[in-house]
N, C-alpha and C. Protein backbone atom coordinates (compact mmCIF):
# COMPACT_ATOMS: atom_id res chain seq x y z
N MET A 1 99.88 96.80 15.85
CA MET A 1 98.61 96.78 16.52
C MET A 1 97.55 96.12 15.64
N LYS A 2 97.56 96.46 14.31
CA LYS A 2 96.58 95.88 13.39
C LYS A 2 96.80 94.37 13.26
N ILE A 3 98.06 93.98 13.25
CA ILE A 3 98.38 92.55 13.14
C ILE A 3 97.87 91.81 14.38
N LEU A 4 98.03 92.42 15.55
CA LEU A 4 97.57 91.82 16.79
C LEU A 4 96.05 91.67 16.80
N LYS A 5 95.33 92.69 16.31
CA LYS A 5 93.87 92.62 16.22
C LYS A 5 93.42 91.52 15.26
N LYS A 6 94.09 91.43 14.11
CA LYS A 6 93.74 90.39 13.14
C LYS A 6 94.03 89.01 13.71
N LEU A 7 95.15 88.88 14.41
CA LEU A 7 95.50 87.60 15.02
C LEU A 7 94.48 87.21 16.09
N SER A 8 94.03 88.17 16.89
CA SER A 8 93.01 87.91 17.91
C SER A 8 91.69 87.51 17.28
N ALA A 9 91.32 88.21 16.20
CA ALA A 9 90.07 87.89 15.52
C ALA A 9 90.14 86.49 14.91
N LEU A 10 91.26 86.14 14.31
CA LEU A 10 91.43 84.80 13.73
C LEU A 10 91.40 83.73 14.82
N THR A 11 92.03 84.01 15.94
CA THR A 11 92.03 83.06 17.05
C THR A 11 90.61 82.83 17.57
N LEU A 12 89.86 83.92 17.75
CA LEU A 12 88.47 83.79 18.20
C LEU A 12 87.63 83.02 17.19
N ALA A 13 87.82 83.31 15.92
CA ALA A 13 87.07 82.59 14.88
C ALA A 13 87.41 81.11 14.88
N ALA A 14 88.69 80.79 15.05
CA ALA A 14 89.11 79.38 15.10
C ALA A 14 88.51 78.67 16.31
N LEU A 15 88.54 79.33 17.46
CA LEU A 15 87.96 78.74 18.67
C LEU A 15 86.46 78.52 18.51
N ALA A 16 85.78 79.48 17.92
CA ALA A 16 84.34 79.34 17.70
C ALA A 16 84.05 78.18 16.76
N SER A 17 84.85 78.04 15.71
CA SER A 17 84.66 76.93 14.77
C SER A 17 84.88 75.59 15.44
N ILE A 18 85.91 75.52 16.27
CA ILE A 18 86.16 74.26 17.00
C ILE A 18 85.00 73.94 17.92
N ALA A 19 84.48 74.94 18.61
CA ALA A 19 83.36 74.71 19.52
C ALA A 19 82.13 74.21 18.77
N VAL A 20 81.85 74.81 17.62
CA VAL A 20 80.69 74.39 16.83
C VAL A 20 80.88 72.97 16.31
N LEU A 21 82.07 72.68 15.78
CA LEU A 21 82.33 71.34 15.26
C LEU A 21 82.25 70.29 16.35
N SER A 22 82.81 70.59 17.53
CA SER A 22 82.78 69.59 18.59
C SER A 22 81.36 69.39 19.12
N SER A 23 80.56 70.45 19.17
CA SER A 23 79.19 70.28 19.63
C SER A 23 78.37 69.50 18.62
N CYS A 24 78.65 69.65 17.33
CA CYS A 24 77.94 68.88 16.31
C CYS A 24 78.29 67.41 16.40
N SER A 25 79.57 67.11 16.66
CA SER A 25 79.96 65.70 16.72
C SER A 25 79.45 65.05 17.99
N ASP A 26 79.23 65.85 19.07
CA ASP A 26 78.72 65.30 20.32
C ASP A 26 77.21 65.12 20.29
N SER A 27 76.51 65.82 19.45
CA SER A 27 75.06 65.72 19.44
C SER A 27 74.64 64.39 18.82
N LYS A 28 73.59 63.84 19.39
CA LYS A 28 73.08 62.56 18.91
C LYS A 28 71.63 62.75 18.51
N SER A 29 71.21 61.95 17.57
CA SER A 29 69.81 61.99 17.18
C SER A 29 68.96 61.36 18.28
N TYR A 30 67.68 61.61 18.22
CA TYR A 30 66.76 61.02 19.19
C TYR A 30 66.82 59.49 19.10
N ALA A 31 66.92 58.96 17.90
CA ALA A 31 67.02 57.50 17.72
C ALA A 31 68.29 56.96 18.37
N ASP A 32 69.41 57.69 18.25
CA ASP A 32 70.65 57.27 18.90
C ASP A 32 70.51 57.29 20.42
N ARG A 33 69.83 58.31 20.94
CA ARG A 33 69.61 58.39 22.39
C ARG A 33 68.74 57.24 22.87
N LEU A 34 67.72 56.88 22.10
CA LEU A 34 66.88 55.74 22.47
C LEU A 34 67.69 54.44 22.48
N MET A 35 68.60 54.30 21.52
CA MET A 35 69.46 53.10 21.49
C MET A 35 70.37 53.07 22.72
N ASP A 36 70.92 54.20 23.09
CA ASP A 36 71.76 54.26 24.29
C ASP A 36 70.94 53.95 25.55
N GLU A 37 69.71 54.45 25.59
CA GLU A 37 68.84 54.16 26.72
C GLU A 37 68.60 52.65 26.83
N ASN A 38 68.29 52.01 25.72
CA ASN A 38 68.08 50.56 25.73
C ASN A 38 69.33 49.82 26.18
N LYS A 39 70.49 50.25 25.71
CA LYS A 39 71.75 49.61 26.11
C LYS A 39 71.97 49.75 27.61
N ALA A 40 71.69 50.93 28.15
CA ALA A 40 71.88 51.17 29.58
C ALA A 40 70.96 50.30 30.41
N VAL A 41 69.69 50.22 30.00
CA VAL A 41 68.72 49.39 30.73
C VAL A 41 69.10 47.91 30.62
N ASN A 42 69.48 47.48 29.42
CA ASN A 42 69.87 46.08 29.23
C ASN A 42 71.09 45.72 30.06
N LEU A 43 72.06 46.64 30.14
CA LEU A 43 73.24 46.39 30.96
C LEU A 43 72.84 46.22 32.42
N PHE A 44 71.99 47.12 32.92
CA PHE A 44 71.54 47.02 34.31
C PHE A 44 70.82 45.69 34.54
N LEU A 45 69.87 45.36 33.67
CA LEU A 45 69.07 44.14 33.86
C LEU A 45 69.89 42.87 33.66
N SER A 46 71.00 42.95 32.94
CA SER A 46 71.84 41.76 32.73
C SER A 46 72.45 41.27 34.04
N ASN A 47 72.47 42.11 35.04
CA ASN A 47 73.00 41.73 36.35
C ASN A 47 71.91 41.24 37.31
N HIS A 48 70.71 41.04 36.79
CA HIS A 48 69.56 40.62 37.61
C HIS A 48 68.75 39.57 36.84
N ARG A 49 67.97 38.83 37.59
CA ARG A 49 67.00 37.94 36.93
C ARG A 49 65.85 38.80 36.43
N VAL A 50 65.32 38.43 35.28
CA VAL A 50 64.20 39.17 34.69
C VAL A 50 63.10 38.19 34.34
N GLU A 51 61.89 38.51 34.74
CA GLU A 51 60.69 37.75 34.38
C GLU A 51 59.89 38.59 33.40
N HIS A 52 59.52 38.01 32.28
CA HIS A 52 58.79 38.77 31.26
C HIS A 52 57.28 38.72 31.45
N GLN A 53 56.83 37.98 32.44
CA GLN A 53 55.40 37.88 32.74
C GLN A 53 55.17 38.19 34.22
N ILE A 54 54.08 38.85 34.51
CA ILE A 54 53.66 39.07 35.89
C ILE A 54 52.99 37.79 36.36
N PRO A 55 53.28 37.32 37.57
CA PRO A 55 52.60 36.10 38.04
C PRO A 55 51.08 36.28 38.01
N GLU A 56 50.39 35.26 37.53
CA GLU A 56 48.93 35.36 37.38
C GLU A 56 48.23 35.69 38.69
N ASP A 57 48.70 35.16 39.78
CA ASP A 57 48.06 35.40 41.07
C ASP A 57 48.71 36.57 41.82
N ASN A 58 49.54 37.35 41.13
CA ASN A 58 50.30 38.44 41.74
C ASN A 58 51.15 37.97 42.91
N ASN A 59 51.55 36.71 42.86
CA ASN A 59 52.39 36.15 43.91
C ASN A 59 53.87 36.39 43.54
N PHE A 60 54.31 37.62 43.70
CA PHE A 60 55.65 38.04 43.32
C PHE A 60 56.68 37.46 44.28
N GLU A 61 57.86 37.14 43.75
CA GLU A 61 59.00 36.88 44.63
C GLU A 61 59.35 38.21 45.26
N VAL A 62 59.81 38.17 46.52
CA VAL A 62 60.06 39.39 47.27
C VAL A 62 61.49 39.38 47.82
N GLY A 63 62.12 40.53 47.78
CA GLY A 63 63.43 40.69 48.40
C GLY A 63 64.48 41.18 47.43
N PRO A 64 65.68 41.44 47.93
CA PRO A 64 66.74 42.01 47.08
C PRO A 64 67.23 41.05 46.00
N ASP A 65 66.93 39.77 46.13
CA ASP A 65 67.31 38.80 45.10
C ASP A 65 66.14 38.43 44.19
N ALA A 66 65.00 39.07 44.39
CA ALA A 66 63.82 38.79 43.55
C ALA A 66 64.09 39.27 42.13
N PRO A 67 63.40 38.69 41.16
CA PRO A 67 63.59 39.14 39.78
C PRO A 67 62.94 40.50 39.53
N TYR A 68 63.34 41.10 38.44
CA TYR A 68 62.65 42.29 37.93
C TYR A 68 61.57 41.79 36.98
N TYR A 69 60.32 42.17 37.26
CA TYR A 69 59.18 41.77 36.44
C TYR A 69 58.89 42.87 35.42
N ARG A 70 58.74 42.49 34.18
CA ARG A 70 58.37 43.46 33.14
C ARG A 70 56.89 43.79 33.32
N LEU A 71 56.58 45.08 33.43
CA LEU A 71 55.20 45.50 33.69
C LEU A 71 54.43 45.93 32.46
N ASP A 72 55.13 46.16 31.34
CA ASP A 72 54.43 46.57 30.12
C ASP A 72 54.95 45.75 28.95
N ASP A 73 54.19 45.71 27.88
CA ASP A 73 54.54 44.88 26.73
C ASP A 73 55.80 45.35 26.01
N GLU A 74 56.10 46.64 26.06
CA GLU A 74 57.24 47.19 25.33
C GLU A 74 58.55 47.12 26.09
N GLY A 75 58.51 46.73 27.37
CA GLY A 75 59.73 46.66 28.16
C GLY A 75 60.24 48.01 28.63
N ASN A 76 59.33 48.92 28.96
CA ASN A 76 59.71 50.24 29.45
C ASN A 76 59.74 50.32 30.97
N ILE A 77 59.10 49.36 31.65
CA ILE A 77 59.00 49.37 33.10
C ILE A 77 59.30 47.97 33.63
N TYR A 78 60.21 47.90 34.60
CA TYR A 78 60.54 46.63 35.27
C TYR A 78 60.51 46.88 36.77
N MET A 79 59.91 45.95 37.51
CA MET A 79 59.72 46.13 38.95
C MET A 79 60.30 44.96 39.72
N GLN A 80 61.07 45.27 40.75
CA GLN A 80 61.53 44.28 41.73
C GLN A 80 60.81 44.59 43.04
N VAL A 81 60.14 43.62 43.60
CA VAL A 81 59.35 43.82 44.81
C VAL A 81 60.22 43.57 46.04
N LEU A 82 60.36 44.59 46.88
CA LEU A 82 61.11 44.46 48.12
C LEU A 82 60.17 44.22 49.30
N ARG A 83 58.96 44.75 49.21
CA ARG A 83 57.92 44.55 50.23
C ARG A 83 56.57 44.69 49.52
N THR A 84 55.68 43.72 49.69
CA THR A 84 54.41 43.73 48.94
C THR A 84 53.37 44.68 49.51
N GLY A 85 53.48 45.03 50.77
CA GLY A 85 52.42 45.82 51.37
C GLY A 85 51.19 44.95 51.60
N ASP A 86 50.16 45.54 52.14
CA ASP A 86 48.92 44.82 52.46
C ASP A 86 48.01 44.83 51.24
N ARG A 87 48.06 43.75 50.44
CA ARG A 87 47.28 43.69 49.20
C ARG A 87 45.82 43.38 49.45
N GLU A 88 45.48 42.89 50.62
CA GLU A 88 44.07 42.58 50.91
C GLU A 88 43.31 43.79 51.41
N ASN A 89 43.96 44.66 52.17
CA ASN A 89 43.25 45.76 52.83
C ASN A 89 43.73 47.15 52.47
N ASN A 90 44.79 47.25 51.65
CA ASN A 90 45.38 48.57 51.46
C ASN A 90 45.80 48.83 50.01
N MET A 91 44.92 48.52 49.08
CA MET A 91 45.21 48.80 47.66
C MET A 91 44.80 50.24 47.33
N ALA A 92 45.53 50.87 46.45
CA ALA A 92 45.22 52.24 46.04
C ALA A 92 43.92 52.27 45.23
N THR A 93 43.17 53.33 45.40
CA THR A 93 41.94 53.53 44.62
C THR A 93 42.13 54.77 43.75
N ASP A 94 41.35 54.86 42.69
CA ASP A 94 41.47 55.98 41.76
C ASP A 94 41.36 57.31 42.48
N ASP A 95 42.25 58.22 42.14
CA ASP A 95 42.33 59.58 42.66
C ASP A 95 42.78 59.65 44.12
N GLN A 96 43.20 58.55 44.70
CA GLN A 96 43.68 58.56 46.08
C GLN A 96 45.03 59.27 46.15
N LEU A 97 45.21 60.10 47.16
CA LEU A 97 46.46 60.80 47.38
C LEU A 97 47.50 59.81 47.93
N ILE A 98 48.62 59.71 47.25
CA ILE A 98 49.69 58.79 47.64
C ILE A 98 50.98 59.59 47.77
N TYR A 99 51.63 59.48 48.91
CA TYR A 99 52.95 60.07 49.10
C TYR A 99 54.00 59.01 48.82
N PHE A 100 55.18 59.45 48.39
CA PHE A 100 56.25 58.48 48.18
C PHE A 100 57.60 59.11 48.45
N ARG A 101 58.50 58.27 48.89
CA ARG A 101 59.90 58.62 49.10
C ARG A 101 60.71 57.84 48.09
N TRP A 102 61.72 58.46 47.52
CA TRP A 102 62.44 57.83 46.42
C TRP A 102 63.91 58.21 46.38
N THR A 103 64.67 57.28 45.84
CA THR A 103 66.05 57.52 45.43
C THR A 103 66.13 56.97 44.03
N ARG A 104 66.72 57.72 43.13
CA ARG A 104 66.85 57.22 41.77
C ARG A 104 68.30 57.21 41.34
N TYR A 105 68.62 56.23 40.50
CA TYR A 105 69.96 56.02 39.99
C TYR A 105 69.92 56.19 38.48
N ASN A 106 70.78 57.05 37.98
CA ASN A 106 70.84 57.34 36.56
C ASN A 106 71.54 56.19 35.84
N LEU A 107 70.78 55.40 35.10
CA LEU A 107 71.34 54.22 34.43
C LEU A 107 72.23 54.60 33.25
N LEU A 108 71.97 55.70 32.61
CA LEU A 108 72.81 56.15 31.50
C LEU A 108 74.19 56.57 32.01
N TYR A 109 74.22 57.25 33.14
CA TYR A 109 75.48 57.63 33.76
C TYR A 109 76.30 56.38 34.10
N SER A 110 75.63 55.39 34.69
CA SER A 110 76.32 54.13 35.02
C SER A 110 76.84 53.45 33.77
N TYR A 111 76.06 53.48 32.69
CA TYR A 111 76.46 52.86 31.43
C TYR A 111 77.72 53.53 30.86
N TYR A 112 77.75 54.85 30.87
CA TYR A 112 78.88 55.58 30.29
C TYR A 112 80.13 55.56 31.19
N TYR A 113 79.92 55.71 32.51
CA TYR A 113 81.06 55.93 33.40
C TYR A 113 81.34 54.79 34.37
N GLY A 114 80.45 53.80 34.43
CA GLY A 114 80.68 52.67 35.32
C GLY A 114 80.53 53.02 36.79
N GLU A 115 79.89 54.14 37.08
CA GLU A 115 79.69 54.58 38.47
C GLU A 115 78.22 54.87 38.70
N GLU A 116 77.80 54.81 39.97
CA GLU A 116 76.42 55.15 40.29
C GLU A 116 76.32 56.63 40.62
N TYR A 117 75.23 57.22 40.15
CA TYR A 117 74.90 58.59 40.52
C TYR A 117 73.45 58.56 41.00
N SER A 118 73.21 59.00 42.23
CA SER A 118 71.85 58.93 42.76
C SER A 118 71.41 60.29 43.30
N GLU A 119 70.09 60.43 43.40
CA GLU A 119 69.47 61.61 43.97
C GLU A 119 68.09 61.21 44.47
N GLY A 120 67.50 62.04 45.31
CA GLY A 120 66.15 61.75 45.77
C GLY A 120 65.87 62.31 47.14
N ASN A 121 64.70 61.95 47.66
CA ASN A 121 64.29 62.45 48.97
C ASN A 121 64.10 61.33 49.98
N SER A 122 64.60 60.17 49.68
CA SER A 122 64.38 59.00 50.53
C SER A 122 64.97 59.16 51.93
N GLU A 123 66.13 59.71 52.01
CA GLU A 123 66.83 59.81 53.29
C GLU A 123 66.78 61.21 53.90
N ASP A 124 66.38 62.20 53.12
CA ASP A 124 66.39 63.58 53.58
C ASP A 124 64.96 64.05 53.86
N MET A 125 64.56 63.97 55.10
CA MET A 125 63.19 64.32 55.48
C MET A 125 62.91 65.83 55.38
N SER A 126 63.96 66.63 55.19
CA SER A 126 63.73 68.07 55.06
C SER A 126 63.27 68.44 53.65
N MET A 127 63.40 67.52 52.72
CA MET A 127 62.97 67.80 51.34
C MET A 127 61.45 67.76 51.25
N THR A 128 60.90 68.52 50.33
CA THR A 128 59.46 68.59 50.12
C THR A 128 58.91 67.20 49.82
N PRO A 129 57.80 66.84 50.44
CA PRO A 129 57.21 65.52 50.16
C PRO A 129 56.75 65.44 48.70
N THR A 130 56.85 64.26 48.14
CA THR A 130 56.39 64.03 46.78
C THR A 130 55.12 63.19 46.84
N TYR A 131 54.23 63.48 45.91
CA TYR A 131 52.95 62.78 45.92
C TYR A 131 52.34 62.78 44.53
N PHE A 132 51.33 61.96 44.39
CA PHE A 132 50.51 61.95 43.18
C PHE A 132 49.12 61.49 43.56
N ARG A 133 48.20 61.67 42.66
CA ARG A 133 46.85 61.12 42.82
C ARG A 133 46.78 59.92 41.88
N PHE A 134 46.54 58.76 42.46
CA PHE A 134 46.62 57.50 41.73
C PHE A 134 45.66 57.48 40.54
N ASN A 135 46.19 57.15 39.38
CA ASN A 135 45.43 57.03 38.12
C ASN A 135 44.72 58.31 37.69
N ASN A 136 45.11 59.45 38.21
CA ASN A 136 44.50 60.71 37.81
C ASN A 136 45.43 61.40 36.82
N THR A 137 45.10 61.30 35.54
CA THR A 137 45.96 61.89 34.51
C THR A 137 45.58 63.33 34.18
N THR A 138 44.61 63.89 34.89
CA THR A 138 44.24 65.29 34.67
C THR A 138 44.92 66.22 35.67
N ASN A 139 45.57 65.65 36.68
CA ASN A 139 46.20 66.44 37.73
C ASN A 139 47.70 66.55 37.45
N SER A 140 48.20 67.78 37.32
CA SER A 140 49.62 67.96 36.99
C SER A 140 50.55 67.43 38.07
N SER A 141 50.11 67.44 39.34
CA SER A 141 50.97 66.90 40.39
C SER A 141 51.14 65.39 40.24
N SER A 142 50.23 64.75 39.53
CA SER A 142 50.33 63.31 39.27
C SER A 142 51.12 63.03 38.01
N THR A 143 50.83 63.76 36.96
CA THR A 143 51.48 63.48 35.67
C THR A 143 52.93 63.94 35.63
N GLN A 144 53.32 64.90 36.48
CA GLN A 144 54.71 65.37 36.46
C GLN A 144 55.69 64.25 36.76
N TRP A 145 55.28 63.24 37.50
CA TRP A 145 56.16 62.12 37.83
C TRP A 145 56.14 61.02 36.78
N GLY A 146 55.31 61.18 35.77
CA GLY A 146 55.19 60.15 34.75
C GLY A 146 54.29 59.01 35.21
N THR A 147 53.99 58.12 34.31
CA THR A 147 53.08 57.02 34.65
C THR A 147 53.79 55.85 35.29
N GLY A 148 55.09 55.72 35.07
CA GLY A 148 55.82 54.56 35.59
C GLY A 148 55.85 54.47 37.09
N ILE A 149 55.95 55.60 37.77
CA ILE A 149 56.08 55.60 39.22
C ILE A 149 54.83 55.06 39.91
N GLN A 150 53.68 55.12 39.24
CA GLN A 150 52.42 54.65 39.83
C GLN A 150 52.14 53.17 39.57
N MET A 151 52.78 52.59 38.57
CA MET A 151 52.43 51.24 38.12
C MET A 151 52.49 50.16 39.20
N PRO A 152 53.46 50.19 40.13
CA PRO A 152 53.48 49.13 41.14
C PRO A 152 52.20 49.04 41.97
N LEU A 153 51.52 50.17 42.14
CA LEU A 153 50.32 50.17 42.97
C LEU A 153 49.13 49.49 42.30
N ASN A 154 49.27 49.08 41.04
CA ASN A 154 48.25 48.25 40.41
C ASN A 154 48.31 46.82 40.92
N TYR A 155 49.44 46.44 41.54
CA TYR A 155 49.66 45.06 41.96
C TYR A 155 49.93 44.89 43.44
N LEU A 156 50.35 45.96 44.11
CA LEU A 156 50.84 45.87 45.49
C LEU A 156 50.09 46.83 46.39
N GLY A 157 50.15 46.57 47.69
CA GLY A 157 49.53 47.46 48.67
C GLY A 157 50.28 48.78 48.76
N ILE A 158 49.59 49.79 49.26
CA ILE A 158 50.16 51.14 49.32
C ILE A 158 51.44 51.16 50.15
N ASP A 159 51.54 50.33 51.16
CA ASP A 159 52.71 50.33 52.03
C ASP A 159 53.84 49.45 51.50
N CYS A 160 53.96 49.35 50.17
CA CYS A 160 54.98 48.51 49.55
C CYS A 160 56.27 49.30 49.34
N GLU A 161 57.31 48.55 48.98
CA GLU A 161 58.58 49.13 48.57
C GLU A 161 59.06 48.36 47.35
N VAL A 162 59.52 49.09 46.34
CA VAL A 162 59.97 48.46 45.10
C VAL A 162 61.23 49.14 44.58
N ASN A 163 61.95 48.40 43.77
CA ASN A 163 62.92 48.97 42.85
C ASN A 163 62.25 48.92 41.49
N ILE A 164 62.29 50.02 40.78
CA ILE A 164 61.59 50.05 39.50
C ILE A 164 62.45 50.76 38.45
N VAL A 165 62.66 50.07 37.33
CA VAL A 165 63.39 50.64 36.21
C VAL A 165 62.38 51.33 35.32
N ILE A 166 62.62 52.60 35.04
CA ILE A 166 61.68 53.39 34.24
C ILE A 166 62.43 54.04 33.09
N LYS A 167 62.05 53.67 31.88
CA LYS A 167 62.62 54.35 30.71
C LYS A 167 61.99 55.73 30.59
N SER A 168 62.65 56.60 29.86
CA SER A 168 62.31 58.03 29.84
C SER A 168 60.87 58.33 29.49
N GLN A 169 60.28 57.63 28.54
CA GLN A 169 58.93 58.00 28.11
C GLN A 169 57.87 57.74 29.18
N TYR A 170 58.20 56.96 30.21
CA TYR A 170 57.29 56.73 31.33
C TYR A 170 57.73 57.47 32.59
N GLY A 171 58.80 58.27 32.46
CA GLY A 171 59.37 58.95 33.61
C GLY A 171 58.86 60.36 33.79
N VAL A 172 59.64 61.14 34.50
CA VAL A 172 59.30 62.53 34.82
C VAL A 172 59.09 63.30 33.52
N THR A 173 57.94 63.94 33.38
CA THR A 173 57.58 64.54 32.10
C THR A 173 58.55 65.62 31.65
N SER A 174 59.11 66.38 32.59
CA SER A 174 60.04 67.44 32.20
C SER A 174 61.38 66.89 31.72
N GLU A 175 61.61 65.59 31.88
CA GLU A 175 62.89 64.98 31.51
C GLU A 175 62.80 64.03 30.31
N ILE A 176 61.64 63.91 29.71
CA ILE A 176 61.46 62.95 28.62
C ILE A 176 62.44 63.21 27.48
N ALA A 177 62.66 64.47 27.13
CA ALA A 177 63.55 64.80 26.01
C ALA A 177 65.00 64.39 26.27
N ASN A 178 65.37 64.24 27.55
CA ASN A 178 66.74 63.84 27.88
C ASN A 178 67.02 62.37 27.58
N VAL A 179 65.97 61.57 27.44
CA VAL A 179 66.07 60.14 27.15
C VAL A 179 67.03 59.46 28.13
N THR A 180 66.72 59.63 29.42
CA THR A 180 67.54 59.04 30.47
C THR A 180 66.72 58.06 31.28
N PRO A 181 67.12 56.79 31.33
CA PRO A 181 66.42 55.82 32.16
C PRO A 181 66.95 55.87 33.59
N TYR A 182 66.08 55.56 34.52
CA TYR A 182 66.44 55.55 35.94
C TYR A 182 65.97 54.26 36.59
N MET A 183 66.69 53.85 37.62
CA MET A 183 66.21 52.83 38.52
C MET A 183 65.85 53.55 39.82
N TYR A 184 64.59 53.46 40.19
CA TYR A 184 64.10 54.10 41.40
C TYR A 184 63.94 53.07 42.51
N ASN A 185 64.29 53.46 43.72
CA ASN A 185 63.83 52.74 44.91
C ASN A 185 62.72 53.61 45.46
N VAL A 186 61.51 53.04 45.60
CA VAL A 186 60.34 53.83 46.00
C VAL A 186 59.63 53.15 47.16
N ARG A 187 59.26 53.96 48.16
CA ARG A 187 58.38 53.54 49.26
C ARG A 187 57.14 54.42 49.18
N TYR A 188 55.98 53.80 49.23
CA TYR A 188 54.71 54.51 49.10
C TYR A 188 54.03 54.61 50.46
N PHE A 189 53.26 55.71 50.66
CA PHE A 189 52.60 55.94 51.95
C PHE A 189 51.23 56.59 51.71
N GLU A 190 50.32 56.32 52.62
CA GLU A 190 49.07 57.08 52.66
C GLU A 190 49.31 58.32 53.50
N PRO A 191 48.57 59.39 53.25
CA PRO A 191 48.70 60.57 54.12
C PRO A 191 48.24 60.21 55.54
N LEU A 192 48.84 60.82 56.52
CA LEU A 192 48.41 60.59 57.90
C LEU A 192 47.03 61.20 58.09
N SER A 193 46.16 60.46 58.70
CA SER A 193 44.81 61.01 58.96
C SER A 193 44.83 61.85 60.22
N ASN A 194 43.96 62.83 60.23
CA ASN A 194 43.89 63.74 61.38
C ASN A 194 43.09 63.13 62.50
């Protein structure tokens, strides 16, 4: 009986050691995660045309074959315009309530496994509506989505549709530590007036 107890204790200790060692070897530093994020984004963008400058007149190419335009100097946000919306009469104003429907694709998952993984509320109207107040960084309902999701509305009408690549630091605030880049398909809407 004593031998059996000692053997069980040794087995448990060995299993615990293996678990600790394997978790240490699987953990990556923040710098390593950032490198993986860059690799995932670069892999995704390598299959598309990329423009490093926004057209001066905001005359974007439009459609599924349009290029991804880099929206910031560091290369954290890239936008493909699928529909420009009404840029003359329907531009977002500061603190305006904007609803949006989205589907996002985990680019890190695609990088590691070669498969797409998506989630969102774009097709499921039973899901809670998502919204933000444009350029309002004091409102938690706006900042929870990160700054990247709002950037297209600096150039396009509210009724636009875009594909937008967002690196983690510009993404959902609760997910920044995960260092996961996403490609979002987003459609923006104004609230219905009464």
